[in-house]
N, C-alpha and C. Protein backbone atom coordinates (compact mmCIF):
# COMPACT_ATOMS: atom_id res chain seq x y z
N MET A 1 -36.86 33.41 2.13
CA MET A 1 -36.02 32.95 0.99
C MET A 1 -34.64 32.55 1.51
N LYS A 2 -34.24 33.25 2.47
CA LYS A 2 -32.94 32.95 3.21
C LYS A 2 -32.96 31.50 3.84
N THR A 3 -34.13 31.22 4.36
CA THR A 3 -34.33 30.00 5.13
C THR A 3 -34.34 28.75 4.08
N LEU A 4 -35.11 29.05 2.98
CA LEU A 4 -34.92 28.03 1.86
C LEU A 4 -33.59 27.79 1.38
N THR A 5 -32.95 28.88 1.13
CA THR A 5 -31.55 28.80 0.61
C THR A 5 -30.70 28.03 1.59
N LEU A 6 -30.82 28.25 2.86
CA LEU A 6 -29.97 27.52 4.08
C LEU A 6 -30.37 26.03 4.02
N VAL A 7 -31.70 25.85 3.87
CA VAL A 7 -32.23 24.38 3.93
C VAL A 7 -31.62 23.66 2.70
N LEU A 8 -31.56 24.13 1.62
CA LEU A 8 -31.10 23.71 0.39
C LEU A 8 -29.63 23.53 0.47
N SER A 9 -28.83 24.36 0.97
CA SER A 9 -27.37 24.34 1.25
C SER A 9 -27.04 23.03 2.04
N LEU A 10 -27.73 23.00 3.22
CA LEU A 10 -27.62 21.93 4.12
C LEU A 10 -27.94 20.53 3.51
N PHE A 11 -29.01 20.50 2.61
CA PHE A 11 -29.28 19.26 1.96
C PHE A 11 -28.25 18.82 1.02
N LEU A 12 -27.71 19.70 0.12
CA LEU A 12 -26.59 19.42 -0.79
C LEU A 12 -25.28 19.10 0.02
N VAL A 13 -24.90 19.65 1.12
CA VAL A 13 -23.73 19.23 1.85
C VAL A 13 -23.91 17.76 2.30
N SER A 14 -25.22 17.57 2.92
CA SER A 14 -25.28 16.26 3.37
C SER A 14 -25.27 15.16 2.28
N ILE A 15 -25.69 15.41 1.04
CA ILE A 15 -25.67 14.51 -0.01
C ILE A 15 -24.25 14.28 -0.46
N ALA A 16 -23.40 15.47 -0.53
CA ALA A 16 -22.04 15.33 -0.63
C ALA A 16 -21.29 14.45 0.25
N GLY A 17 -21.60 14.47 1.47
CA GLY A 17 -21.07 13.76 2.59
C GLY A 17 -21.38 12.28 2.40
N ILE A 18 -22.64 11.97 1.93
CA ILE A 18 -23.07 10.52 1.69
C ILE A 18 -22.18 9.99 0.58
N ALA A 19 -22.05 10.79 -0.44
CA ALA A 19 -21.28 10.25 -1.73
C ALA A 19 -20.04 9.94 -1.59
N GLN A 20 -19.30 10.68 -0.34
CA GLN A 20 -17.94 10.36 -0.20
C GLN A 20 -17.76 9.21 1.00
N GLU A 21 -18.91 8.55 1.35
CA GLU A 21 -18.92 7.64 2.36
C GLU A 21 -17.99 6.61 2.01
N LYS A 22 -17.19 6.12 2.92
CA LYS A 22 -16.09 5.03 2.85
C LYS A 22 -16.67 3.70 2.41
N THR A 23 -16.20 3.07 1.39
CA THR A 23 -16.74 1.77 0.98
C THR A 23 -15.92 0.55 1.15
N GLY A 24 -14.78 0.71 1.68
CA GLY A 24 -13.91 -0.31 2.00
C GLY A 24 -13.14 -0.05 3.25
N VAL A 25 -12.02 -0.78 3.53
CA VAL A 25 -11.24 -0.59 4.60
C VAL A 25 -9.99 0.19 4.23
N ASP A 26 -9.26 0.73 5.25
CA ASP A 26 -7.92 1.26 4.95
C ASP A 26 -6.92 0.28 5.57
N ILE A 27 -5.76 0.18 4.92
CA ILE A 27 -4.73 -0.62 5.20
C ILE A 27 -3.38 0.21 5.30
N THR A 28 -3.04 0.58 6.54
CA THR A 28 -1.82 1.28 6.69
C THR A 28 -0.64 0.51 6.79
N VAL A 29 0.47 0.77 6.13
CA VAL A 29 1.73 0.06 6.14
C VAL A 29 2.87 0.92 6.60
N THR A 30 3.66 0.52 7.50
CA THR A 30 4.72 1.24 8.09
C THR A 30 6.00 0.53 7.71
N ILE A 31 7.01 1.08 7.20
CA ILE A 31 8.32 0.42 7.06
C ILE A 31 9.46 1.46 7.63
N ASP A 32 10.03 0.84 8.53
CA ASP A 32 10.91 1.77 9.44
C ASP A 32 12.43 1.33 9.53
N ASN A 33 12.74 0.54 8.56
CA ASN A 33 14.11 0.15 8.55
C ASN A 33 14.76 0.28 7.26
N ILE A 34 14.45 1.55 6.55
CA ILE A 34 15.08 1.70 5.30
C ILE A 34 16.49 2.15 5.51
N THR A 35 17.44 1.71 4.64
CA THR A 35 18.87 1.88 4.99
C THR A 35 19.31 3.29 4.73
N ASN A 36 18.63 4.18 3.77
CA ASN A 36 18.85 5.54 3.64
C ASN A 36 17.65 6.22 3.14
N ASP A 37 17.74 7.59 2.92
CA ASP A 37 16.54 8.32 2.42
C ASP A 37 16.67 8.65 0.94
N GLU A 38 17.49 8.06 0.21
CA GLU A 38 17.72 8.09 -1.15
C GLU A 38 16.39 7.53 -1.77
N GLY A 39 15.99 8.05 -2.92
CA GLY A 39 14.91 7.51 -3.85
C GLY A 39 13.50 7.56 -2.99
N LYS A 40 12.74 6.43 -3.33
CA LYS A 40 11.53 6.42 -2.66
C LYS A 40 11.08 5.00 -2.43
N VAL A 41 10.01 4.65 -1.79
CA VAL A 41 9.52 3.48 -1.63
C VAL A 41 8.20 3.24 -2.42
N LEU A 42 8.30 2.08 -3.17
CA LEU A 42 7.15 1.69 -3.85
C LEU A 42 6.43 0.46 -3.20
N ALA A 43 5.02 0.63 -3.16
CA ALA A 43 4.11 -0.53 -2.49
C ALA A 43 3.04 -0.84 -3.45
N GLY A 44 2.82 -2.04 -3.55
CA GLY A 44 1.64 -2.50 -4.24
C GLY A 44 0.80 -3.62 -3.34
N LEU A 45 -0.55 -3.37 -3.38
CA LEU A 45 -1.57 -4.17 -2.89
C LEU A 45 -1.96 -5.28 -4.01
N HIS A 46 -1.77 -6.47 -3.78
CA HIS A 46 -1.88 -7.53 -4.77
C HIS A 46 -3.05 -8.66 -4.41
N THR A 47 -3.57 -8.92 -5.50
CA THR A 47 -4.40 -10.33 -5.37
C THR A 47 -3.52 -11.46 -5.78
N GLU A 48 -4.08 -12.74 -5.60
CA GLU A 48 -3.15 -13.77 -6.08
C GLU A 48 -2.92 -13.71 -7.62
N GLU A 49 -3.87 -13.09 -8.28
CA GLU A 49 -3.75 -12.90 -9.86
C GLU A 49 -2.61 -11.96 -10.20
N THR A 50 -2.35 -10.96 -9.52
CA THR A 50 -1.37 -9.86 -9.70
C THR A 50 -0.09 -10.14 -9.13
N PHE A 51 0.03 -10.85 -8.10
CA PHE A 51 1.17 -11.03 -7.27
C PHE A 51 2.43 -11.64 -8.07
N MET A 52 3.44 -10.75 -8.15
CA MET A 52 4.67 -10.88 -8.97
C MET A 52 4.47 -11.05 -10.42
N LYS A 53 3.38 -10.40 -10.98
CA LYS A 53 3.12 -10.42 -12.33
C LYS A 53 2.98 -8.99 -12.90
N GLY A 54 3.06 -8.04 -12.15
CA GLY A 54 2.89 -6.64 -12.65
C GLY A 54 2.16 -5.85 -11.48
N PRO A 55 1.69 -4.68 -11.80
CA PRO A 55 1.17 -3.66 -10.92
C PRO A 55 0.01 -4.34 -10.05
N GLY A 56 -0.12 -3.91 -8.82
CA GLY A 56 -1.13 -4.43 -7.99
C GLY A 56 -2.48 -3.70 -8.20
N VAL A 57 -3.49 -4.08 -7.38
CA VAL A 57 -4.82 -3.57 -7.72
C VAL A 57 -4.76 -2.11 -7.02
N GLN A 58 -3.89 -1.76 -6.14
CA GLN A 58 -3.56 -0.43 -5.79
C GLN A 58 -2.02 -0.31 -5.70
N ASN A 59 -1.49 0.80 -6.00
CA ASN A 59 -0.11 1.05 -6.05
C ASN A 59 0.23 2.44 -5.46
N LEU A 60 1.23 2.35 -4.58
CA LEU A 60 1.43 3.71 -3.81
C LEU A 60 2.93 3.93 -3.90
N GLN A 61 3.43 5.27 -3.65
CA GLN A 61 4.76 5.50 -3.53
C GLN A 61 5.03 6.68 -2.50
N SER A 62 6.18 6.68 -1.77
CA SER A 62 6.36 7.75 -0.80
C SER A 62 7.79 8.05 -0.83
N ALA A 63 8.06 9.40 -0.51
CA ALA A 63 9.53 9.82 -0.09
C ALA A 63 9.80 9.18 1.24
N ILE A 64 11.02 9.12 1.56
CA ILE A 64 11.66 8.44 2.80
C ILE A 64 12.04 9.71 3.69
N ALA A 65 11.55 9.48 4.84
CA ALA A 65 12.20 10.56 5.90
C ALA A 65 12.77 9.83 7.12
N ASP A 66 14.03 10.05 7.34
CA ASP A 66 14.65 9.29 8.51
C ASP A 66 14.49 7.78 8.48
N GLY A 67 14.52 7.22 7.23
CA GLY A 67 14.70 5.71 7.19
C GLY A 67 13.16 5.15 7.40
N LYS A 68 12.11 6.09 7.24
CA LYS A 68 10.79 5.42 7.59
C LYS A 68 9.88 5.99 6.51
N VAL A 69 8.79 5.18 6.13
CA VAL A 69 7.59 5.72 5.29
C VAL A 69 6.33 5.08 6.05
N THR A 70 5.25 5.72 5.85
CA THR A 70 3.89 5.22 6.16
C THR A 70 3.00 5.43 4.85
N LEU A 71 2.36 4.41 4.44
CA LEU A 71 1.48 4.36 3.19
C LEU A 71 0.21 3.86 3.64
N THR A 72 -0.92 4.48 3.00
CA THR A 72 -2.34 3.88 3.42
C THR A 72 -3.02 3.60 2.03
N PHE A 73 -3.31 2.24 1.86
CA PHE A 73 -4.26 1.87 0.65
C PHE A 73 -5.68 2.08 1.53
N THR A 74 -6.51 2.76 0.47
CA THR A 74 -7.80 3.08 0.93
C THR A 74 -8.90 2.48 0.33
N ASN A 75 -10.00 2.31 0.88
CA ASN A 75 -11.29 1.61 0.22
C ASN A 75 -10.97 0.23 -0.21
N VAL A 76 -10.27 -0.53 0.41
CA VAL A 76 -10.07 -1.89 0.01
C VAL A 76 -11.20 -2.90 0.22
N ALA A 77 -11.66 -3.43 -0.72
CA ALA A 77 -12.98 -4.36 -0.49
C ALA A 77 -12.36 -5.64 0.24
N PRO A 78 -13.33 -6.21 0.89
CA PRO A 78 -12.96 -7.57 1.47
C PRO A 78 -12.49 -8.52 0.56
N GLY A 79 -11.58 -9.23 0.92
CA GLY A 79 -10.84 -10.20 0.08
C GLY A 79 -9.46 -10.78 0.64
N THR A 80 -8.81 -11.41 -0.19
CA THR A 80 -7.48 -11.85 0.24
C THR A 80 -6.23 -11.24 -0.65
N TYR A 81 -5.48 -10.65 0.09
CA TYR A 81 -4.33 -9.78 -0.51
C TYR A 81 -3.04 -10.04 0.00
N ALA A 82 -2.02 -9.47 -0.62
CA ALA A 82 -0.69 -9.54 -0.13
C ALA A 82 -0.18 -8.09 -0.59
N ILE A 83 0.83 -7.72 0.33
CA ILE A 83 1.49 -6.34 -0.02
C ILE A 83 2.94 -6.66 -0.39
N MET A 84 3.40 -6.05 -1.29
CA MET A 84 4.87 -6.05 -1.77
C MET A 84 5.33 -4.68 -1.65
N ALA A 85 6.59 -4.35 -1.10
CA ALA A 85 7.13 -3.08 -0.98
C ALA A 85 8.57 -3.23 -1.46
N MET A 86 9.15 -2.06 -2.02
CA MET A 86 10.73 -2.12 -2.43
C MET A 86 11.21 -0.69 -2.24
N HIS A 87 12.37 -0.65 -1.97
CA HIS A 87 13.05 0.74 -1.80
C HIS A 87 13.67 1.05 -3.20
N ASP A 88 13.17 1.87 -3.91
CA ASP A 88 13.67 2.24 -5.26
C ASP A 88 14.64 3.41 -5.12
N ALA A 89 15.74 3.02 -4.69
CA ALA A 89 16.82 4.00 -4.48
C ALA A 89 17.17 4.84 -5.64
N ASN A 90 17.25 4.42 -6.79
CA ASN A 90 17.73 5.13 -8.06
C ASN A 90 16.41 5.73 -8.78
N GLU A 91 15.22 5.45 -8.17
CA GLU A 91 13.91 6.11 -8.82
C GLU A 91 13.70 5.53 -10.32
N ASN A 92 14.05 4.28 -10.52
CA ASN A 92 13.72 3.84 -12.06
C ASN A 92 12.56 3.11 -12.10
N ASN A 93 11.77 2.98 -11.01
CA ASN A 93 10.38 2.36 -10.89
C ASN A 93 10.56 0.85 -11.11
N ARG A 94 11.65 0.16 -10.74
CA ARG A 94 11.73 -1.26 -10.87
C ARG A 94 12.90 -1.85 -9.83
N MET A 95 12.75 -2.94 -9.65
CA MET A 95 13.76 -3.79 -8.82
C MET A 95 15.07 -3.91 -9.69
N ASP A 96 16.19 -3.57 -8.94
CA ASP A 96 17.57 -3.83 -9.70
C ASP A 96 18.07 -4.90 -9.10
N TYR A 97 18.84 -5.84 -9.86
CA TYR A 97 19.56 -6.89 -9.55
C TYR A 97 21.15 -7.02 -9.52
N GLU A 98 21.87 -7.72 -8.78
CA GLU A 98 23.26 -8.02 -9.05
C GLU A 98 23.40 -8.89 -10.05
N SER A 99 24.56 -9.20 -10.65
CA SER A 99 24.85 -10.17 -11.64
C SER A 99 24.44 -11.53 -11.29
N ASN A 100 24.47 -11.85 -10.01
CA ASN A 100 24.20 -13.25 -9.62
C ASN A 100 22.55 -13.35 -9.34
N GLY A 101 21.76 -12.32 -9.65
CA GLY A 101 20.36 -12.52 -9.47
C GLY A 101 19.83 -11.93 -8.21
N MET A 102 20.65 -11.49 -7.20
CA MET A 102 20.15 -11.20 -6.02
C MET A 102 19.78 -9.69 -6.04
N PRO A 103 18.64 -9.18 -5.49
CA PRO A 103 18.32 -7.86 -5.47
C PRO A 103 19.25 -6.89 -4.93
N LYS A 104 19.46 -5.61 -5.61
CA LYS A 104 20.25 -4.69 -5.18
C LYS A 104 19.64 -3.85 -4.16
N GLU A 105 18.28 -3.71 -4.24
CA GLU A 105 17.51 -2.72 -3.47
C GLU A 105 16.74 -3.57 -2.32
N GLY A 106 16.50 -2.83 -1.12
CA GLY A 106 15.76 -3.60 -0.21
C GLY A 106 14.23 -3.86 -0.51
N TYR A 107 13.63 -4.75 -0.10
CA TYR A 107 12.21 -5.20 -0.28
C TYR A 107 11.72 -5.89 0.83
N GLY A 108 10.40 -6.03 0.81
CA GLY A 108 9.67 -6.83 1.99
C GLY A 108 8.17 -6.91 1.60
N MET A 109 7.52 -7.74 2.39
CA MET A 109 6.12 -8.00 2.13
C MET A 109 5.40 -8.33 3.25
N SER A 110 4.07 -8.12 3.18
CA SER A 110 3.18 -8.59 4.29
C SER A 110 3.65 -10.02 4.69
N GLY A 111 3.48 -10.42 5.89
CA GLY A 111 3.89 -11.73 6.35
C GLY A 111 5.40 -11.84 6.77
N ASN A 112 6.25 -10.63 6.26
CA ASN A 112 7.61 -10.65 6.50
C ASN A 112 8.47 -11.88 6.35
N ASP A 113 7.98 -12.76 5.54
CA ASP A 113 8.76 -14.03 5.24
C ASP A 113 9.98 -13.65 4.38
N MET A 114 11.10 -13.77 4.86
CA MET A 114 12.43 -13.44 4.27
C MET A 114 13.30 -14.75 3.94
N THR A 115 12.37 -15.81 3.61
CA THR A 115 13.26 -17.14 3.26
C THR A 115 13.93 -16.91 1.97
N MET A 116 14.90 -17.82 1.75
CA MET A 116 15.50 -17.77 0.41
C MET A 116 14.59 -18.09 -0.79
N GLY A 117 14.92 -17.50 -2.05
CA GLY A 117 14.00 -17.73 -3.09
C GLY A 117 12.95 -16.55 -3.19
N PRO A 118 12.25 -16.69 -4.28
CA PRO A 118 11.13 -15.62 -4.62
C PRO A 118 10.07 -15.62 -3.60
N PRO A 119 9.50 -14.64 -3.37
CA PRO A 119 8.42 -14.66 -2.45
C PRO A 119 7.10 -15.30 -3.01
N THR A 120 6.31 -15.71 -2.07
CA THR A 120 5.13 -16.59 -2.52
C THR A 120 3.93 -15.77 -2.10
N PHE A 121 2.83 -15.86 -2.80
CA PHE A 121 1.44 -15.29 -2.29
C PHE A 121 1.11 -15.83 -0.98
N ASN A 122 1.19 -17.11 -0.91
CA ASN A 122 0.67 -17.83 0.48
C ASN A 122 1.32 -17.30 1.56
N SER A 123 2.72 -17.08 1.56
CA SER A 123 3.52 -16.69 2.60
C SER A 123 3.14 -15.20 3.03
N ALA A 124 2.61 -14.35 2.01
CA ALA A 124 2.52 -12.99 2.31
C ALA A 124 0.93 -12.65 2.52
N LYS A 125 0.01 -13.59 2.28
CA LYS A 125 -1.40 -13.19 2.09
C LYS A 125 -2.13 -12.96 3.42
N PHE A 126 -3.04 -12.15 3.29
CA PHE A 126 -3.86 -11.91 4.66
C PHE A 126 -5.32 -11.55 4.05
N THR A 127 -6.20 -11.64 5.06
CA THR A 127 -7.51 -11.47 4.66
C THR A 127 -8.09 -10.15 5.19
N VAL A 128 -8.84 -9.43 4.29
CA VAL A 128 -9.42 -8.19 4.69
C VAL A 128 -10.96 -8.38 4.97
N GLY A 129 -11.29 -7.88 6.30
CA GLY A 129 -12.75 -8.00 6.41
C GLY A 129 -13.36 -6.70 6.51
N GLU A 130 -13.99 -6.11 7.54
CA GLU A 130 -14.65 -4.98 7.89
C GLU A 130 -13.99 -3.96 8.64
N GLU A 131 -12.75 -4.38 9.17
CA GLU A 131 -11.94 -3.46 10.03
C GLU A 131 -10.66 -3.00 9.32
N ASP A 132 -10.38 -1.67 9.63
CA ASP A 132 -9.11 -1.23 9.16
C ASP A 132 -7.96 -2.16 9.71
N MET A 133 -6.92 -1.98 8.90
CA MET A 133 -5.72 -2.90 9.28
C MET A 133 -4.44 -2.01 9.27
N GLU A 134 -3.35 -2.51 10.07
CA GLU A 134 -2.03 -1.92 9.94
C GLU A 134 -0.95 -2.99 10.05
N PHE A 135 -0.04 -2.83 9.18
CA PHE A 135 1.09 -3.80 9.05
C PHE A 135 2.35 -2.83 9.30
N THR A 136 3.51 -3.72 9.72
CA THR A 136 4.76 -3.24 9.61
C THR A 136 5.54 -4.30 9.01
N ILE A 137 6.04 -3.78 7.83
CA ILE A 137 6.94 -4.46 6.85
C ILE A 137 8.37 -4.14 7.14
N ARG A 138 9.19 -5.24 6.98
CA ARG A 138 10.61 -5.12 7.26
C ARG A 138 11.40 -5.43 6.07
N PHE A 139 12.34 -4.60 5.62
CA PHE A 139 13.14 -4.81 4.51
C PHE A 139 14.19 -5.56 4.87
C-alpha cells in the first residue's frame, strides 16, 4: 500500500510540473539610471496595437532601490513588441507633464531612442523568438 501511495504521489507531482511548464520566453528589463528612489517604476510590454494607447499586454511595477530596478515579463509569446517604462515618482499611475507639454517624470523604452517628439513603435520594437531576452533601458 505504501508503494502504491508513493507511486501515485510521484505521478501527481510530475503532472503538476508539466502543467507549470514554461510556454513563452522571459524578457528581463534593467533600468539603472533612475534619479531617485521615490515612487515606483511602471513598465508595459506592448504590441503595435497597444503602444501609446493604453495598458500593455503585460504590465509590471517595481519599487526602486539605489536608482535601479529589474523587471521580468514572463511567458511572452513569439511576436513583435516594444517596452515602455516610466518613473512614477508621485505614484499616481500616470505620466505627469509640465505646462509646456514636456514630461515631468523620467521615461524610456526598448531601443533607447530619445529623439525629440513622442516615441514611435518602430523605433522601440523588437522581435521575440524562442530565447529569453534582456534589455537595459535608459531614462
